[in-house]
Amino acid sequence: MIIYLERQLFVWNKPAGIETQDERALQELRDEINAKEGRTGTPFIHPIHRLDQPTSGIVVFARSSKALSRLQASLRERKCEKRYLAWVEGEIKEEKRLVDKLAHASHHAKLSESGKESALSYEVVKQEKGKTLLLITLETGRYHQIRLQLASRGHPIVGDVKYGGKKTTQCDGIFLHHTYFSIPHPISGELLEFTVEPPPYFKI
């Protein structure tokens, strides 16, 4: 579902279980844009970042090559802010900042001294049934970063069997949701802020 649409960009609330660049999903987005704007054809759309297939939440798309290059430059220059909600296994009682060196292996990430520095911070939202809900601020955007950094401390994300979590039947993915994103507008420079509530199954 598109939650924000304008000439330079739009925001998709991606469901868990779908690839960011799944061709069927992209065509549905093009069709939705055409329906909203009363047009036909094949509009330019390109994601400026990606979410893992099992992760839900905000994905920002550029609608022109100029917007794409400027938005991606803002990402590289860390002019954006990303926050995620995650249910993790076990009890966490205090805020913390995690810094590791991560490397991209075959279909997974790993801790490695030769990897790139990766950092995030989190605060505890609540605890329930032996699990903890975290609000995570992502400082760097490495492959599977949140999933590995939390799992390496003994707190895998609920449902994330790739990194040691227990399988869940409550959703098609894992309990990780991109809930907040801010970035300068590619033309005006005005700070854009987007917030998307997590899916209903997050109410464990």
Protein backbone atom coordinates (compact mmCIF):
# COMPACT_ATOMS: atom_id res chain seq x y z
CA MET A 1 0.00 0.00 0.00
CA ILE A 2 1.28 3.48 -0.93
CA ILE A 3 1.02 5.80 2.09
CA TYR A 4 2.54 8.93 0.52
CA LEU A 5 2.70 10.00 -3.12
CA GLU A 6 4.08 13.07 -4.87
CA ARG A 7 5.93 13.95 -8.07
CA GLN A 8 9.43 13.11 -6.84
CA LEU A 9 8.90 10.12 -4.58
CA PHE A 10 6.47 7.82 -2.84
CA VAL A 11 6.43 5.63 0.26
CA TRP A 12 5.37 1.99 0.31
CA ASN A 13 4.33 0.15 3.47
CA LYS A 14 5.90 -3.18 2.50
CA PRO A 15 4.34 -6.32 3.96
CA ALA A 16 6.58 -9.01 5.42
CA GLY A 17 7.34 -11.90 3.07
CA ILE A 18 7.76 -9.82 -0.11
CA GLU A 19 11.05 -8.82 -1.73
CA THR A 20 11.55 -5.06 -2.11
CA GLN A 21 12.08 -5.49 -5.86
CA ASP A 22 9.59 -8.28 -6.49
CA GLU A 23 8.35 -7.73 -10.05
CA ARG A 24 4.72 -8.47 -9.25
CA ALA A 25 4.78 -6.04 -6.31
CA LEU A 26 6.44 -3.35 -8.43
CA GLN A 27 3.79 -3.70 -11.11
CA GLU A 28 1.06 -3.39 -8.48
CA LEU A 29 2.71 -0.17 -7.27
CA ARG A 30 2.83 1.21 -10.83
CA ASP A 31 -0.83 0.34 -11.28
CA GLU A 32 -1.71 2.04 -7.97
CA ILE A 33 0.14 5.20 -9.01
CA ASN A 34 -1.63 5.27 -12.38
CA ALA A 35 -5.00 4.78 -10.70
CA LYS A 36 -4.37 7.57 -8.18
CA GLU A 37 -3.14 10.00 -10.86
CA GLY A 38 -5.49 8.98 -13.65
CA ARG A 39 -2.67 7.99 -16.00
CA THR A 40 -1.52 5.05 -18.07
CA GLY A 41 1.93 3.82 -19.00
CA THR A 42 4.94 2.67 -17.01
CA PRO A 43 6.00 5.27 -14.45
CA PHE A 44 9.63 5.39 -13.28
CA ILE A 45 9.95 3.89 -9.78
CA HIS A 46 13.13 2.84 -8.00
CA PRO A 47 13.67 2.07 -4.30
CA ILE A 48 16.35 4.19 -2.65
CA HIS A 49 16.93 1.47 -0.04
CA ARG A 50 15.75 -2.07 0.64
CA LEU A 51 14.16 -4.09 3.40
CA ASP A 52 14.87 -7.78 3.88
CA GLN A 53 12.10 -10.02 2.57
CA PRO A 54 10.84 -11.01 6.06
CA THR A 55 10.83 -7.39 7.30
CA SER A 56 7.83 -5.06 7.02
CA GLY A 57 7.53 -1.30 6.88
CA ILE A 58 8.69 1.84 5.10
CA VAL A 59 10.38 1.72 1.69
CA VAL A 60 10.96 5.01 -0.14
CA PHE A 61 10.90 5.04 -3.95
CA ALA A 62 12.21 7.76 -6.26
CA ARG A 63 10.09 8.74 -9.25
CA SER A 64 12.87 10.20 -11.39
CA SER A 65 16.57 9.58 -11.93
CA LYS A 66 17.39 13.02 -10.49
CA ALA A 67 15.39 12.31 -7.33
CA LEU A 68 17.01 8.87 -7.05
CA SER A 69 20.57 10.23 -7.17
CA ARG A 70 19.83 13.00 -4.66
CA LEU A 71 18.00 10.72 -2.22
CA GLN A 72 20.74 8.11 -2.40
CA ALA A 73 23.30 10.85 -1.77
CA SER A 74 21.40 11.82 1.38
CA LEU A 75 21.57 8.20 2.50
CA ARG A 76 25.33 8.01 1.91
CA GLU A 77 25.84 11.29 3.77
CA ARG A 78 23.69 10.00 6.66
CA LYS A 79 21.20 12.82 6.44
CA CYS A 80 18.37 10.38 7.12
CA GLU A 81 17.13 8.67 10.26
CA LYS A 82 15.75 5.13 10.43
CA ARG A 83 13.92 3.59 13.36
CA TYR A 84 12.67 0.04 13.67
CA LEU A 85 10.46 -1.86 16.07
CA ALA A 86 11.53 -5.40 16.91
CA TRP A 87 10.32 -8.11 19.23
CA VAL A 88 13.34 -10.08 20.44
CA GLU A 89 13.63 -13.21 22.51
CA GLY A 90 14.55 -12.81 26.16
CA GLU A 91 14.43 -9.85 28.53
CA ILE A 92 16.42 -6.67 27.94
CA LYS A 93 16.23 -4.10 30.71
CA GLU A 94 18.34 -1.12 29.62
CA GLU A 95 19.18 1.07 26.67
CA LYS A 96 22.35 0.26 24.81
CA ARG A 97 24.44 1.15 21.76
CA LEU A 98 25.91 -1.76 19.80
CA VAL A 99 29.01 -1.41 17.63
CA ASP A 100 30.44 -4.34 15.62
CA LYS A 101 32.30 -5.06 12.43
CA LEU A 102 30.05 -6.92 9.99
CA ALA A 103 30.84 -8.70 6.73
CA HIS A 104 28.49 -9.87 4.01
CA ALA A 105 28.73 -13.66 3.55
CA SER A 106 26.62 -15.92 1.31
CA HIS A 107 22.98 -15.04 2.09
CA HIS A 108 23.85 -13.98 5.64
CA ALA A 109 25.93 -11.52 7.63
CA LYS A 110 28.73 -12.40 10.04
CA LEU A 111 30.90 -10.72 12.64
CA SER A 112 34.37 -10.14 11.23
CA GLU A 113 37.34 -7.95 12.12
CA SER A 114 37.75 -7.31 8.40
CA GLY A 115 34.14 -6.15 8.10
CA LYS A 116 32.64 -2.65 8.11
CA GLU A 117 31.81 -0.85 11.34
CA SER A 118 28.13 -1.16 12.13
CA ALA A 119 26.27 0.69 14.85
CA LEU A 120 22.76 0.92 16.27
CA SER A 121 21.15 1.97 19.52
CA TYR A 122 17.93 0.84 21.13
CA GLU A 123 15.53 1.58 23.94
CA VAL A 124 13.15 -0.82 25.65
CA VAL A 125 9.46 -0.25 24.88
CA LYS A 126 7.99 -3.12 26.91
CA GLN A 127 8.42 -6.73 27.97
CA GLU A 128 5.89 -9.52 27.66
CA LYS A 129 5.92 -13.33 27.77
CA GLY A 130 9.70 -13.60 27.92
CA LYS A 131 10.15 -11.23 24.98
CA THR A 132 11.19 -7.57 24.68
CA LEU A 133 9.93 -4.94 22.26
CA LEU A 134 12.74 -2.59 21.20
CA LEU A 135 12.74 0.73 19.37
CA ILE A 136 15.95 0.70 17.36
CA THR A 137 17.73 3.66 15.77
CA LEU A 138 19.91 2.44 12.93
CA GLU A 139 23.13 4.42 12.51
CA THR A 140 24.54 2.39 9.61
CA GLY A 141 22.71 0.31 7.02
CA ARG A 142 24.61 -2.96 6.71
CA TYR A 143 23.20 -6.20 5.33
CA HIS A 144 21.12 -7.98 8.02
CA GLN A 145 22.69 -5.64 10.59
CA ILE A 146 19.88 -5.45 13.15
CA ARG A 147 19.22 -9.17 12.92
CA LEU A 148 22.84 -10.19 13.49
CA GLN A 149 23.78 -7.62 16.11
CA LEU A 150 20.85 -8.55 18.34
CA ALA A 151 21.23 -12.30 17.77
CA SER A 152 24.94 -12.13 18.64
CA ARG A 153 23.93 -10.84 22.11
CA GLY A 154 21.57 -13.76 22.64
CA HIS A 155 18.42 -11.87 21.61
CA PRO A 156 17.40 -12.97 18.11
CA ILE A 157 14.35 -11.37 16.57
CA VAL A 158 11.22 -13.43 17.06
CA GLY A 159 10.70 -15.66 14.04
CA ASP A 160 14.21 -15.14 12.63
CA VAL A 161 15.35 -18.75 12.30
CA LYS A 162 18.30 -17.72 10.08
CA TYR A 163 19.92 -16.09 13.12
CA GLY A 164 18.80 -18.48 15.83
CA GLY A 165 15.28 -17.31 16.53
CA LYS A 166 12.32 -19.59 17.09
CA LYS A 167 9.94 -20.16 14.21
CA THR A 168 6.59 -18.38 14.39
CA THR A 169 3.28 -18.98 12.63
CA GLN A 170 1.94 -15.51 13.45
CA CYS A 171 3.23 -13.87 10.26
CA ASP A 172 4.99 -14.48 6.92
CA GLY A 173 8.22 -12.94 8.14
CA ILE A 174 9.95 -11.85 11.32
CA PHE A 175 9.00 -9.38 14.03
CA LEU A 176 11.03 -6.50 12.59
CA HIS A 177 9.28 -3.40 11.26
CA HIS A 178 10.68 -0.20 9.74
CA THR A 179 8.46 2.28 11.54
CA TYR A 180 10.07 5.72 11.04
CA PHE A 181 12.14 7.33 8.29
CA SER A 182 13.23 10.91 7.69
CA ILE A 183 15.15 12.34 4.73
CA PRO A 184 15.54 15.73 2.99
CA HIS A 185 13.27 16.28 -0.01
CA PRO A 186 15.35 15.82 -3.20
CA ILE A 187 14.28 19.20 -4.62
CA SER A 188 13.28 21.55 -1.79
CA GLY A 189 15.55 20.12 0.91
CA GLU A 190 12.65 20.17 3.38
CA LEU A 191 12.88 17.35 5.92
CA LEU A 192 10.31 14.66 5.17
CA GLU A 193 9.21 12.40 8.02
CA PHE A 194 7.22 9.19 7.65
CA THR A 195 5.77 6.95 10.36
CA VAL A 196 4.04 3.61 9.83
CA GLU A 197 2.49 1.59 12.64
CA PRO A 198 3.49 -2.09 12.84
CA PRO A 199 1.16 -4.88 11.61
CA PRO A 200 -1.53 -6.23 13.97
CA TYR A 201 0.48 -9.37 14.78
CA PHE A 202 3.01 -7.18 16.65
CA LYS A 203 0.55 -7.17 19.56
CA ILE A 204 2.02 -10.32 21.11
